[in-house]
Amino acid sequence: MTFIRAIAIALCGTALAASAALAQAKKWETVRIATEGAYAPWNMTAPGGKLEGFEIDLANDLCARMKVKCEIVAQDWDGIIPALSAKKYDAIMAGMSITDERLKVINFSVPYANDPNAFGVAKDSPLAKMPGTGQRYSLNTQEAEALKAIEAIKPILKGKTIGVQTSTTHANFAEKYLKDTVEIREYKSTEAHDLDLAAGRIDAILADSATVRGTLAKPEFKDYVLVGPGFTGGVLGRGVGVGLRKDDTDLKQMFDEAIKAAIADGTVKNLSEKWFKGDLTPQS
């Protein structure tokens, strides 16, 4: 009797475990993706309110590969991770770099883009002569050379005011390496610091180079230029990826496979050249 009872309990436990596994294996038919809509040319809001940009095109491509319906929604940057955790949407594609700090809270797909940072300054500013312009350094694999390049730009930056978007890797970079040299002014969006740059209230903006180029392509910034050495790695993260909840491991796998396929067939390269005029495909 005891033996039969033990078997019954074991079978019941197996059935419950199988039921739990089935419950966890969600069938994804629609994926809601949040983007900022204010980080051109990664993502932006057109005059009619339509979302467009590199990540909008890529998101639609990835959803097609995953065979799911894509719903893309706009979300302010400063609340984008909390709203993901609250299940307001399923994923984030908003120029978000993969960092150790963010990985404590959310998960990421494999990277779909990587771009060094850069400064945007007025052509007639002393900062236009910043040393190292056009050079690129990795804080992971070229740390000594990168730190030397940072020290080389400090004299010309001394006493200047630099605009960065709050809660970004660029804000972290400025805080770690430049806080003893410049005044760091944080803004809710890149559009906000662009306005202050144009008005002469700050001396430079610091963002990824593609975003700075997007700013300088606007008619009102015809007298501005991109300068400075570009840095990747370290506090700047491991490239840009899709932000996901930690328990959505199946969705991460779906995005990983779709991104790898989009990189392999040249879609990421083609879209980045369309929007950035350059190839931001992550290098393996």
Protein backbone atom coordinates (compact mmCIF):
# COMPACT_ATOMS: atom_id res chain seq x y z
CA MET A 1 0.00 0.00 0.00
CA THR A 2 2.88 2.32 0.89
CA PHE A 3 4.62 1.45 -2.40
CA ILE A 4 1.50 2.23 -4.47
CA ARG A 5 1.03 5.49 -2.61
CA ALA A 6 4.64 6.49 -3.30
CA ILE A 7 4.17 5.82 -7.03
CA ALA A 8 0.99 7.89 -7.06
CA ILE A 9 2.75 10.81 -5.36
CA ALA A 10 5.64 10.57 -7.81
CA LEU A 11 3.30 10.55 -10.82
CA CYS A 12 1.41 13.51 -9.41
CA GLY A 13 4.66 15.43 -8.93
CA THR A 14 5.73 14.67 -12.51
CA ALA A 15 2.38 15.87 -13.84
CA LEU A 16 2.62 19.10 -11.85
CA ALA A 17 6.16 19.73 -13.09
CA ALA A 18 5.08 19.15 -16.70
CA SER A 19 2.11 21.48 -16.19
CA ALA A 20 4.41 24.20 -14.79
CA ALA A 21 6.80 23.82 -17.73
CA LEU A 22 3.93 24.21 -20.18
CA ALA A 23 2.72 27.30 -18.34
CA GLN A 24 6.19 28.86 -18.57
CA ALA A 25 6.57 28.09 -22.29
CA LYS A 26 4.56 31.07 -23.51
CA LYS A 27 3.53 31.08 -27.14
CA TRP A 28 4.59 34.45 -28.50
CA GLU A 29 2.15 35.70 -31.12
CA THR A 30 2.61 39.45 -30.48
CA VAL A 31 5.72 41.16 -29.13
CA ARG A 32 5.40 44.71 -27.79
CA ILE A 33 8.65 46.65 -28.20
CA ALA A 34 9.37 49.97 -26.51
CA THR A 35 11.55 52.64 -28.07
CA GLU A 36 12.27 56.21 -27.01
CA GLY A 37 11.24 57.90 -30.24
CA ALA A 38 13.68 60.74 -29.56
CA TYR A 39 17.13 59.31 -30.34
CA ALA A 40 17.69 59.95 -34.04
CA PRO A 41 18.64 58.16 -36.16
CA TRP A 42 18.28 55.09 -33.92
CA ASN A 43 14.63 55.87 -33.28
CA MET A 44 12.61 59.04 -33.72
CA THR A 45 9.13 60.46 -34.09
CA ALA A 46 8.24 61.91 -37.48
CA PRO A 47 6.13 65.11 -37.69
CA GLY A 48 2.96 63.06 -38.14
CA GLY A 49 3.72 61.03 -35.00
CA LYS A 50 4.97 57.91 -36.80
CA LEU A 51 7.96 56.14 -35.27
CA GLU A 52 10.88 55.62 -37.63
CA GLY A 53 14.62 55.01 -37.66
CA PHE A 54 17.16 52.20 -37.67
CA GLU A 55 15.64 50.34 -34.74
CA ILE A 56 12.09 50.64 -36.05
CA ASP A 57 13.10 49.03 -39.35
CA LEU A 58 15.18 46.40 -37.56
CA ALA A 59 12.42 45.60 -35.05
CA ASN A 60 9.96 44.93 -37.86
CA ASP A 61 12.51 42.74 -39.62
CA LEU A 62 13.23 40.74 -36.45
CA CYS A 63 9.51 40.25 -35.74
CA ALA A 64 9.02 38.91 -39.27
CA ARG A 65 11.85 36.42 -38.71
CA MET A 66 10.35 35.38 -35.37
CA LYS A 67 6.91 35.06 -37.02
CA VAL A 68 5.24 37.34 -34.48
CA LYS A 69 3.18 40.51 -34.76
CA CYS A 70 5.27 43.58 -33.92
CA GLU A 71 3.79 46.39 -31.81
CA ILE A 72 6.19 49.30 -31.28
CA VAL A 73 5.38 51.89 -28.61
CA ALA A 74 7.07 55.11 -27.48
CA GLN A 75 8.30 55.36 -23.88
CA ASP A 76 10.31 58.09 -22.13
CA TRP A 77 13.89 57.01 -21.56
CA ASP A 78 13.98 57.55 -17.80
CA GLY A 79 11.14 55.07 -17.22
CA ILE A 80 11.92 52.56 -19.93
CA ILE A 81 13.41 49.78 -17.76
CA PRO A 82 10.89 50.02 -14.88
CA ALA A 83 8.02 49.79 -17.39
CA LEU A 84 9.59 46.67 -18.93
CA SER A 85 9.79 45.08 -15.48
CA ALA A 86 6.14 46.06 -14.90
CA LYS A 87 5.23 44.17 -18.13
CA LYS A 88 3.97 47.26 -19.94
CA TYR A 89 5.76 45.77 -22.96
CA ASP A 90 8.01 42.80 -23.72
CA ALA A 91 11.25 44.27 -25.04
CA ILE A 92 13.29 47.46 -25.42
CA MET A 93 14.99 48.62 -28.62
CA ALA A 94 16.18 52.14 -27.83
CA GLY A 95 19.90 52.41 -28.48
CA MET A 96 20.44 50.75 -25.10
CA SER A 97 23.98 49.53 -24.44
CA ILE A 98 24.57 46.22 -22.68
CA THR A 99 26.23 47.03 -19.34
CA ASP A 100 26.95 45.10 -16.15
CA GLU A 101 24.78 47.52 -14.18
CA ARG A 102 21.75 47.00 -16.40
CA LEU A 103 22.31 43.24 -16.44
CA LYS A 104 21.64 43.23 -12.71
CA VAL A 105 18.03 44.20 -13.49
CA ILE A 106 17.23 42.95 -17.00
CA ASN A 107 18.63 40.62 -19.64
CA PHE A 108 19.81 41.42 -23.16
CA SER A 109 19.90 39.77 -26.53
CA VAL A 110 23.15 39.46 -28.42
CA PRO A 111 24.22 42.93 -29.66
CA TYR A 112 22.83 44.20 -32.97
CA ALA A 113 24.99 47.34 -33.22
CA ASN A 114 28.10 48.93 -31.77
CA ASP A 115 29.23 52.54 -32.15
CA PRO A 116 31.93 54.65 -30.44
CA ASN A 117 31.07 57.91 -28.71
CA ALA A 118 31.95 61.39 -29.98
CA PHE A 119 31.62 65.10 -29.18
CA GLY A 120 29.58 67.60 -31.16
CA VAL A 121 30.93 71.19 -31.04
CA ALA A 122 30.76 74.48 -32.93
CA LYS A 123 33.27 74.80 -35.76
CA ASP A 124 34.55 78.09 -34.35
CA SER A 125 35.01 76.63 -30.84
CA PRO A 126 38.49 75.83 -29.51
CA LEU A 127 37.10 72.31 -29.01
CA ALA A 128 37.00 71.85 -32.79
CA LYS A 129 40.74 71.27 -32.56
CA MET A 130 40.36 68.41 -30.08
CA PRO A 131 43.21 65.90 -30.49
CA GLY A 132 42.55 62.31 -31.52
CA THR A 133 39.62 63.04 -33.84
CA GLY A 134 38.96 60.00 -36.03
CA GLN A 135 40.84 57.57 -33.78
CA ARG A 136 39.05 54.71 -32.01
CA TYR A 137 39.91 52.88 -28.78
CA SER A 138 38.46 49.98 -26.82
CA LEU A 139 38.45 50.37 -23.05
CA ASN A 140 38.42 46.58 -22.88
CA THR A 141 41.32 45.62 -25.16
CA GLN A 142 43.26 48.91 -25.43
CA GLU A 143 42.81 50.34 -21.97
CA ALA A 144 46.28 51.94 -21.69
CA GLU A 145 45.98 53.63 -25.08
CA ALA A 146 42.40 54.69 -24.36
CA LEU A 147 43.31 56.27 -21.02
CA LYS A 148 46.22 58.10 -22.68
CA ALA A 149 43.81 59.47 -25.33
CA ILE A 150 41.40 60.63 -22.60
CA GLU A 151 44.21 62.45 -20.79
CA ALA A 152 45.20 64.11 -24.08
CA ILE A 153 41.77 65.76 -24.51
CA LYS A 154 41.46 67.01 -20.93
CA PRO A 155 43.49 70.24 -21.38
CA ILE A 156 41.24 71.50 -24.19
CA LEU A 157 38.10 70.45 -22.27
CA LYS A 158 39.16 72.16 -19.04
CA GLY A 159 36.36 74.37 -17.69
CA LYS A 160 33.91 73.55 -20.50
CA THR A 161 30.29 72.42 -20.05
CA ILE A 162 29.34 69.10 -21.63
CA GLY A 163 25.77 67.94 -22.25
CA VAL A 164 24.84 64.24 -21.93
CA GLN A 165 21.57 62.35 -21.75
CA THR A 166 20.83 61.16 -18.23
CA SER A 167 21.09 57.47 -17.29
CA THR A 168 23.20 56.64 -20.35
CA THR A 169 26.62 55.10 -20.84
CA HIS A 170 27.81 58.51 -22.07
CA ALA A 171 26.80 60.07 -18.76
CA ASN A 172 28.69 57.26 -17.01
CA PHE A 173 31.75 57.85 -19.21
CA ALA A 174 31.76 61.59 -18.49
CA GLU A 175 31.33 60.98 -14.75
CA LYS A 176 34.14 58.44 -14.60
CA TYR A 177 36.73 60.13 -16.78
CA LEU A 178 35.91 63.84 -17.11
CA LYS A 179 34.23 65.04 -13.90
CA ASP A 180 37.49 66.62 -12.66
CA THR A 181 37.81 68.54 -15.93
CA VAL A 182 34.37 69.65 -17.16
CA GLU A 183 30.95 70.61 -15.87
CA ILE A 184 28.59 67.76 -16.76
CA ARG A 185 25.02 68.79 -17.50
CA GLU A 186 22.45 65.99 -17.81
CA TYR A 187 19.32 66.14 -19.98
CA LYS A 188 16.21 64.01 -20.26
CA SER A 189 16.73 63.55 -24.02
CA THR A 190 19.38 64.17 -26.67
CA GLU A 191 16.99 66.64 -28.31
CA ALA A 192 17.14 68.74 -25.13
CA HIS A 193 20.93 68.93 -25.03
CA ASP A 194 20.99 69.66 -28.77
CA LEU A 195 18.82 72.73 -28.15
CA ASP A 196 21.21 73.99 -25.47
CA LEU A 197 24.19 73.40 -27.75
CA ALA A 198 22.56 75.43 -30.51
CA ALA A 199 21.72 78.20 -28.01
CA GLY A 200 25.31 78.33 -26.74
CA ARG A 201 24.36 77.27 -23.21
CA ILE A 202 26.78 74.35 -23.33
CA ASP A 203 30.08 73.88 -25.16
CA ALA A 204 29.64 70.33 -26.43
CA ILE A 205 27.38 67.30 -26.49
CA LEU A 206 28.64 63.77 -25.89
CA ALA A 207 26.76 60.81 -27.39
CA ASP A 208 27.38 57.90 -29.73
CA SER A 209 28.87 59.10 -32.99
CA ALA A 210 25.84 58.08 -35.08
CA THR A 211 23.55 60.24 -32.93
CA VAL A 212 25.94 63.19 -33.07
CA ARG A 213 26.08 62.86 -36.87
CA GLY A 214 22.29 62.78 -36.94
CA THR A 215 22.22 66.05 -34.98
CA LEU A 216 24.80 67.70 -37.20
CA ALA A 217 22.86 66.73 -40.34
CA LYS A 218 20.09 69.16 -39.33
CA PRO A 219 20.23 72.57 -41.08
CA GLU A 220 20.54 74.46 -37.80
CA PHE A 221 23.78 72.59 -37.03
CA LYS A 222 25.59 73.31 -40.31
CA ASP A 223 28.25 75.21 -38.34
CA TYR A 224 28.98 72.33 -35.97
CA VAL A 225 31.35 69.40 -36.27
CA LEU A 226 32.02 65.95 -34.78
CA VAL A 227 35.33 65.74 -32.90
CA GLY A 228 37.33 63.68 -30.48
CA PRO A 229 38.60 60.10 -30.27
CA GLY A 230 35.86 57.46 -30.13
CA PHE A 231 35.68 54.96 -27.27
CA THR A 232 33.89 51.64 -26.85
CA GLY A 233 33.81 49.02 -24.10
CA GLY A 234 34.24 49.52 -20.36
CA VAL A 235 31.50 51.75 -18.92
CA LEU A 236 30.21 52.21 -22.48
CA GLY A 237 29.06 48.59 -22.57
CA ARG A 238 29.28 45.70 -25.01
CA GLY A 239 27.23 47.03 -27.87
CA VAL A 240 23.52 47.75 -28.23
CA GLY A 241 21.03 44.93 -27.65
CA VAL A 242 17.36 44.19 -27.04
CA GLY A 243 16.43 44.66 -23.36
CA LEU A 244 14.34 41.80 -21.96
CA ARG A 245 12.96 40.54 -18.65
CA LYS A 246 15.18 37.91 -17.09
CA ASP A 247 12.44 35.27 -16.98
CA ASP A 248 11.61 35.57 -20.70
CA THR A 249 14.42 33.21 -21.73
CA ASP A 250 12.43 31.86 -24.67
CA LEU A 251 11.96 35.37 -26.08
CA LYS A 252 15.68 36.05 -25.66
CA GLN A 253 16.46 32.93 -27.68
CA MET A 254 14.06 34.06 -30.39
CA PHE A 255 15.68 37.51 -30.60
CA ASP A 256 19.21 36.04 -30.49
CA GLU A 257 18.50 33.76 -33.44
CA ALA A 258 16.77 36.52 -35.43
CA ILE A 259 19.58 39.04 -34.81
CA LYS A 260 22.29 36.54 -35.78
CA ALA A 261 20.40 35.80 -39.00
CA ALA A 262 19.95 39.53 -39.74
CA ILE A 263 23.68 40.06 -39.24
CA ALA A 264 24.62 37.03 -41.34
CA ASP A 265 22.52 38.01 -44.37
CA GLY A 266 23.62 41.67 -44.30
CA THR A 267 20.32 43.19 -43.15
CA VAL A 268 21.90 44.94 -40.15
CA LYS A 269 24.67 46.31 -42.38
CA ASN A 270 22.18 47.57 -44.98
CA LEU A 271 19.92 49.21 -42.39
CA SER A 272 22.82 50.86 -40.57
CA GLU A 273 24.19 52.24 -43.84
CA LYS A 274 20.70 53.54 -44.66
CA TRP A 275 20.28 55.37 -41.35
CA PHE A 276 23.85 56.04 -40.17
CA LYS A 277 25.75 56.23 -43.50
CA GLY A 278 28.11 53.63 -42.01
CA ASP A 279 28.25 50.03 -40.85
CA LEU A 280 27.48 49.56 -37.13
CA THR A 281 27.39 45.75 -37.35
CA PRO A 282 28.98 44.30 -34.17
CA GLN A 283 32.37 42.74 -34.82
CA SER A 284 32.84 39.22 -33.46
